[in-house]
Amino acid sequence: MTDARTRRPTLLAVFAHPDDEAFSVGGTLTHYARRGVRVVVACATRGEAGKITVPGMTVDDLGAQREQELRDACRALEIEEPVFLGFHDSGRFERTRHDDPLALMNASVLDVEARVRDVIAQLEPDVLVTFDPHGGYGHIDHLQIHRATTAAYFSSGHLPGGGPQRLYYTALTAAAAQGLSRMGQDLDPQLYGVSEGTVAVRMDVRAYAGNKKAALAAHGTQMGEQSLMGRMSAEERQAMEAQMLGVEHFSLGGTRTALPAFPLRGLFEGLEGLETLDA
């Protein structure tokens, strides 16, 4: 890896489906992109088994449609073109693809890890971000990507550059989990939400609310009247947006450097040569 003081700092976010990036980390991605960081989303699937939430909409190739939606969302977030790992969306409920050998839930986690590690070797990120250990709300594809990306963080330490210096997980606070539970997601806040002391970074993303809204809107097949947000009352939606568009939370999955403080001011604090990113 080139010396961090002379090369462009890089953040790699690894998720399972198009739209995962917009909900949990969209504001943070824009924040760092505007500070000169190279920001890339690696997406394991093209969301082929997603549910179209717009009544009456028909799509000939949902994977191609959602791939384009992710590209549009990345432009809205002011970040680079996404990278696709080539697996298939496993789906949920009646859409579950039990017999698809390329469905992420059927793939060997070691194979997924190898794909993620290849992207790490290519991009040489300083910071790696992925799902928390509960996969946000327990989706099997989210859990697979959490496991594979965590493994890739550790195994990438053997790469010539030593791998990413930090690994962060998206963190759902207990209060946020309780809010989602009230809005139709059956989440136990004490299971899916983390304690306040577990949060390593709180990113104030209010300045990027417009980018995040535009990124969410870009995922048109997923944001229709039949989506979770589409079914919310005006009051529920306002509460959800206030939470999503205000602060994004991260817990610490791993570090190869000493921490200057806890909690941290940002994802790059304490990384040699990159201190000004979170000054």
Protein backbone atom coordinates (compact mmCIF):
# COMPACT_ATOMS: atom_id res chain seq x y z
CA MET A 1 0.00 0.00 0.00
CA THR A 2 1.28 3.45 -0.86
CA ASP A 3 2.03 5.68 2.11
CA ALA A 4 -1.24 7.14 3.41
CA ARG A 5 0.33 10.62 3.52
CA THR A 6 0.95 10.69 -0.25
CA ARG A 7 -1.94 8.69 -1.72
CA ARG A 8 -5.65 9.44 -1.87
CA PRO A 9 -7.50 8.18 1.21
CA THR A 10 -10.10 5.54 0.39
CA LEU A 11 -13.28 4.24 2.02
CA LEU A 12 -14.86 0.98 0.86
CA ALA A 13 -18.44 0.15 1.92
CA VAL A 14 -19.58 -3.44 1.31
CA PHE A 15 -23.29 -4.27 1.23
CA ALA A 16 -25.65 -6.91 -0.11
CA HIS A 17 -28.26 -5.11 -2.23
CA PRO A 18 -28.80 -1.86 -4.06
CA ASP A 19 -30.36 0.60 -1.55
CA ASP A 20 -28.48 -0.80 1.50
CA GLU A 21 -25.94 2.01 1.12
CA ALA A 22 -28.51 4.81 1.07
CA PHE A 23 -30.35 3.90 4.27
CA SER A 24 -27.51 3.41 6.72
CA VAL A 25 -24.43 5.30 5.49
CA GLY A 26 -25.44 7.56 2.60
CA GLY A 27 -24.73 10.81 4.42
CA THR A 28 -21.37 9.59 5.67
CA LEU A 29 -20.33 8.55 2.16
CA THR A 30 -21.12 12.00 0.79
CA HIS A 31 -19.38 13.68 3.73
CA TYR A 32 -16.09 11.95 3.03
CA ALA A 33 -16.37 12.25 -0.75
CA ARG A 34 -16.62 16.03 -0.32
CA ARG A 35 -13.48 15.93 1.82
CA GLY A 36 -11.51 14.34 -1.00
CA VAL A 37 -11.82 10.68 -0.01
CA ARG A 38 -12.25 8.09 -2.72
CA VAL A 39 -15.54 6.41 -1.75
CA VAL A 40 -16.65 3.14 -3.36
CA VAL A 41 -19.63 0.87 -2.69
CA ALA A 42 -19.16 -2.85 -3.39
CA CYS A 43 -22.53 -4.57 -3.78
CA ALA A 44 -22.74 -8.35 -3.56
CA THR A 45 -25.89 -8.67 -5.71
CA ARG A 46 -28.01 -6.71 -8.16
CA GLY A 47 -31.15 -7.16 -6.08
CA GLU A 48 -32.71 -9.60 -8.54
CA ALA A 49 -35.17 -11.00 -6.00
CA GLY A 50 -36.35 -7.70 -4.58
CA LYS A 51 -40.00 -6.78 -4.26
CA ILE A 52 -41.29 -4.10 -6.62
CA THR A 53 -43.18 -1.74 -4.35
CA VAL A 54 -44.81 0.46 -6.99
CA PRO A 55 -48.34 -0.76 -7.81
CA GLY A 56 -48.69 -1.67 -11.46
CA MET A 57 -44.98 -1.36 -12.29
CA THR A 58 -43.55 -4.10 -14.47
CA VAL A 59 -39.83 -4.56 -15.04
CA ASP A 60 -38.38 -6.96 -17.61
CA ASP A 61 -35.04 -7.40 -15.81
CA LEU A 62 -35.17 -6.40 -12.16
CA GLY A 63 -31.45 -7.01 -11.64
CA ALA A 64 -30.54 -4.63 -14.47
CA GLN A 65 -33.06 -2.09 -13.22
CA ARG A 66 -31.72 -2.13 -9.67
CA GLU A 67 -28.13 -2.02 -10.89
CA GLN A 68 -28.95 1.22 -12.67
CA GLU A 69 -30.75 2.49 -9.58
CA LEU A 70 -27.57 1.93 -7.56
CA ARG A 71 -25.48 3.75 -10.15
CA ASP A 72 -27.92 6.67 -9.99
CA ALA A 73 -27.86 6.61 -6.18
CA CYS A 74 -24.05 6.71 -6.15
CA ARG A 75 -24.14 9.79 -8.37
CA ALA A 76 -26.63 11.39 -5.98
CA LEU A 77 -24.22 10.66 -3.11
CA GLU A 78 -21.32 12.14 -5.15
CA ILE A 79 -19.29 8.93 -4.96
CA GLU A 80 -17.67 6.66 -7.56
CA GLU A 81 -19.36 4.01 -9.66
CA PRO A 82 -20.25 0.87 -7.64
CA VAL A 83 -18.51 -2.47 -7.88
CA PHE A 84 -20.61 -5.65 -8.15
CA LEU A 85 -19.39 -8.94 -6.66
CA GLY A 86 -21.53 -11.13 -8.93
CA PHE A 87 -23.75 -13.03 -6.51
CA HIS A 88 -27.55 -13.23 -6.68
CA ASP A 89 -30.09 -11.76 -4.29
CA SER A 90 -31.44 -14.54 -2.04
CA GLY A 91 -34.84 -12.88 -1.65
CA ARG A 92 -37.13 -13.20 1.34
CA PHE A 93 -40.38 -14.94 2.23
CA GLU A 94 -42.13 -16.25 -0.91
CA ARG A 95 -39.31 -14.83 -3.08
CA THR A 96 -36.55 -16.86 -1.39
CA ARG A 97 -34.29 -18.51 -3.97
CA HIS A 98 -33.52 -21.76 -2.22
CA ASP A 99 -32.38 -23.52 -5.40
CA ASP A 100 -30.21 -20.76 -6.90
CA PRO A 101 -26.56 -21.79 -6.43
CA LEU A 102 -25.46 -18.17 -6.90
CA ALA A 103 -27.89 -16.83 -4.29
CA LEU A 104 -25.80 -15.23 -1.59
CA MET A 105 -27.30 -17.43 1.12
CA ASN A 106 -26.14 -20.55 -0.78
CA ALA A 107 -22.63 -19.30 -1.52
CA SER A 108 -19.64 -20.39 0.51
CA VAL A 109 -18.74 -17.56 2.86
CA LEU A 110 -15.11 -18.21 1.94
CA ASP A 111 -15.92 -17.55 -1.72
CA VAL A 112 -17.64 -14.31 -0.79
CA GLU A 113 -14.68 -13.37 1.40
CA ALA A 114 -12.33 -13.98 -1.54
CA ARG A 115 -14.36 -11.61 -3.75
CA VAL A 116 -14.30 -8.91 -1.09
CA ARG A 117 -10.58 -9.40 -0.51
CA ASP A 118 -9.94 -9.00 -4.26
CA VAL A 119 -11.69 -5.62 -4.16
CA ILE A 120 -9.64 -4.65 -1.10
CA ALA A 121 -6.43 -5.60 -2.93
CA GLN A 122 -7.49 -3.50 -5.92
CA LEU A 123 -8.68 -0.37 -4.09
CA GLU A 124 -6.42 -0.44 -1.00
CA PRO A 125 -8.99 1.18 1.31
CA ASP A 126 -7.96 2.75 4.58
CA VAL A 127 -11.43 2.20 6.05
CA LEU A 128 -13.87 -0.66 5.50
CA VAL A 129 -17.59 -0.43 6.36
CA THR A 130 -20.23 -3.16 6.35
CA PHE A 131 -23.30 -4.46 8.19
CA ASP A 132 -23.41 -5.05 11.92
CA PRO A 133 -23.45 -8.64 13.29
CA HIS A 134 -27.27 -8.75 13.13
CA GLY A 135 -27.36 -7.62 9.52
CA GLY A 136 -29.46 -4.59 10.39
CA TYR A 137 -32.75 -6.47 10.65
CA GLY A 138 -31.54 -10.05 10.17
CA HIS A 139 -31.68 -10.49 6.38
CA ILE A 140 -29.64 -13.59 5.48
CA ASP A 141 -27.76 -11.74 2.72
CA HIS A 142 -26.82 -8.99 5.16
CA LEU A 143 -25.52 -11.61 7.58
CA GLN A 144 -23.49 -13.28 4.83
CA ILE A 145 -21.88 -9.99 3.83
CA HIS A 146 -21.14 -9.12 7.46
CA ARG A 147 -19.36 -12.45 7.94
CA ALA A 148 -17.49 -12.35 4.64
CA THR A 149 -16.38 -8.73 4.94
CA THR A 150 -15.28 -9.18 8.54
CA ALA A 151 -13.25 -12.21 7.48
CA ALA A 152 -11.79 -10.29 4.53
CA TYR A 153 -10.72 -7.48 6.85
CA PHE A 154 -8.69 -9.92 8.91
CA SER A 155 -7.28 -11.99 6.05
CA SER A 156 -6.38 -8.86 4.07
CA GLY A 157 -3.80 -8.08 6.73
CA HIS A 158 -1.57 -10.47 4.78
CA LEU A 159 -1.81 -8.41 1.59
CA PRO A 160 1.32 -6.44 0.64
CA GLY A 161 -0.14 -3.19 1.97
CA GLY A 162 -1.43 -4.68 5.21
CA GLY A 163 -5.14 -4.24 4.46
CA PRO A 164 -7.59 -1.59 5.70
CA GLN A 165 -6.60 0.11 8.95
CA ARG A 166 -10.13 0.15 10.37
CA LEU A 167 -13.31 -1.91 10.10
CA TYR A 168 -16.62 -0.34 11.07
CA TYR A 169 -20.12 -1.76 11.30
CA THR A 170 -23.29 0.18 10.71
CA ALA A 171 -24.89 0.47 14.14
CA LEU A 172 -28.58 0.56 14.91
CA THR A 173 -29.10 2.16 18.30
CA ALA A 174 -31.65 0.65 20.67
CA ALA A 175 -33.80 3.76 20.23
CA ALA A 176 -33.68 3.40 16.45
CA ALA A 177 -34.55 -0.30 16.66
CA GLN A 178 -37.48 0.55 18.90
CA GLY A 179 -38.63 3.14 16.37
CA LEU A 180 -38.46 0.63 13.52
CA SER A 181 -40.37 -1.89 15.62
CA ARG A 182 -43.17 0.64 16.12
CA MET A 183 -43.23 1.20 12.36
CA GLY A 184 -43.82 -2.41 11.39
CA GLN A 185 -40.45 -4.16 11.75
CA ASP A 186 -40.54 -6.85 14.44
CA LEU A 187 -37.20 -5.97 16.05
CA ASP A 188 -36.29 -6.56 19.67
CA PRO A 189 -34.43 -3.33 20.55
CA GLN A 190 -32.27 -5.18 23.08
CA LEU A 191 -31.17 -7.65 20.40
CA TYR A 192 -30.90 -5.61 17.19
CA GLY A 193 -29.98 -2.28 18.80
CA VAL A 194 -26.62 -1.55 20.38
CA SER A 195 -25.97 0.18 23.68
CA GLU A 196 -24.76 3.78 23.66
CA GLY A 197 -21.34 2.66 24.84
CA THR A 198 -20.96 0.44 21.78
CA VAL A 199 -21.24 3.35 19.34
CA ALA A 200 -17.73 4.30 18.21
CA VAL A 201 -18.66 7.09 15.78
CA ARG A 202 -21.67 9.37 15.48
CA MET A 203 -21.69 11.16 12.14
CA ASP A 204 -23.80 14.32 11.90
CA VAL A 205 -25.12 14.07 8.33
CA ARG A 206 -27.79 16.77 8.36
CA ALA A 207 -25.83 18.75 5.76
CA TYR A 208 -26.24 15.86 3.30
CA ALA A 209 -29.96 15.26 3.76
CA GLY A 210 -30.62 16.30 0.16
CA ASN A 211 -28.09 13.79 -1.16
CA LYS A 212 -29.51 11.02 0.98
CA LYS A 213 -33.09 11.75 -0.06
CA ALA A 214 -32.04 11.77 -3.73
CA ALA A 215 -30.20 8.46 -3.29
CA LEU A 216 -33.24 6.86 -1.66
CA ALA A 217 -35.49 8.20 -4.44
CA ALA A 218 -33.12 6.71 -7.03
CA HIS A 219 -34.11 3.25 -5.76
CA GLY A 220 -37.56 3.73 -7.26
CA THR A 221 -38.60 0.07 -7.36
CA GLN A 222 -38.00 -0.18 -3.61
CA MET A 223 -39.48 3.11 -2.43
CA GLY A 224 -43.05 2.88 -3.73
CA GLU A 225 -46.39 2.93 -1.94
CA GLN A 226 -46.03 -0.69 -0.84
CA SER A 227 -42.60 -0.22 0.75
CA LEU A 228 -42.15 0.10 4.51
CA MET A 229 -41.75 3.84 4.23
CA GLY A 230 -44.57 4.11 1.72
CA ARG A 231 -46.98 2.48 4.17
CA MET A 232 -46.05 4.78 7.04
CA SER A 233 -48.29 7.54 8.25
CA ALA A 234 -47.06 11.10 7.72
CA GLU A 235 -46.04 11.24 11.39
CA GLU A 236 -44.15 7.96 11.24
CA ARG A 237 -42.36 8.95 8.05
CA GLN A 238 -41.37 12.30 9.54
CA ALA A 239 -39.94 10.55 12.60
CA MET A 240 -38.08 8.02 10.45
CA GLU A 241 -36.60 10.71 8.21
CA ALA A 242 -35.54 12.82 11.18
CA GLN A 243 -33.65 9.82 12.52
CA MET A 244 -32.16 8.66 9.21
CA LEU A 245 -31.21 12.10 7.93
CA GLY A 246 -29.72 13.39 11.17
CA VAL A 247 -27.09 11.02 12.52
CA GLU A 248 -25.47 7.82 11.27
CA HIS A 249 -23.94 5.48 13.84
CA PHE A 250 -21.01 3.07 13.61
CA SER A 251 -19.51 0.49 15.92
CA LEU A 252 -15.91 -0.69 15.72
CA GLY A 253 -15.24 -4.08 14.15
CA GLY A 254 -11.46 -3.98 14.11
CA THR A 255 -8.41 -1.73 14.06
CA ARG A 256 -4.74 -2.10 13.18
CA THR A 257 -3.82 1.19 14.84
CA ALA A 258 -4.21 2.60 18.31
CA LEU A 259 -7.35 4.63 18.98
CA PRO A 260 -6.68 8.24 20.02
CA ALA A 261 -10.04 8.42 21.82
CA PHE A 262 -13.36 6.69 22.25
CA PRO A 263 -15.79 7.50 20.86
CA LEU A 264 -14.04 8.81 17.75
CA ARG A 265 -14.87 12.04 15.94
CA GLY A 266 -15.00 10.23 12.60
CA LEU A 267 -14.00 7.10 10.72
CA PHE A 268 -10.45 8.28 9.93
CA GLU A 269 -9.48 9.82 13.27
CA GLY A 270 -6.10 8.58 14.40
CA LEU A 271 -5.00 7.18 11.04
CA GLU A 272 -1.50 8.44 10.27
CA GLY A 273 -1.49 11.22 7.70
CA LEU A 274 -5.29 11.40 7.56
CA GLU A 275 -6.00 13.22 10.81
CA THR A 276 -7.32 16.35 9.07
CA LEU A 277 -10.28 14.42 7.61
CA ASP A 278 -11.96 14.42 11.02
CA ALA A 279 -10.48 17.57 12.49
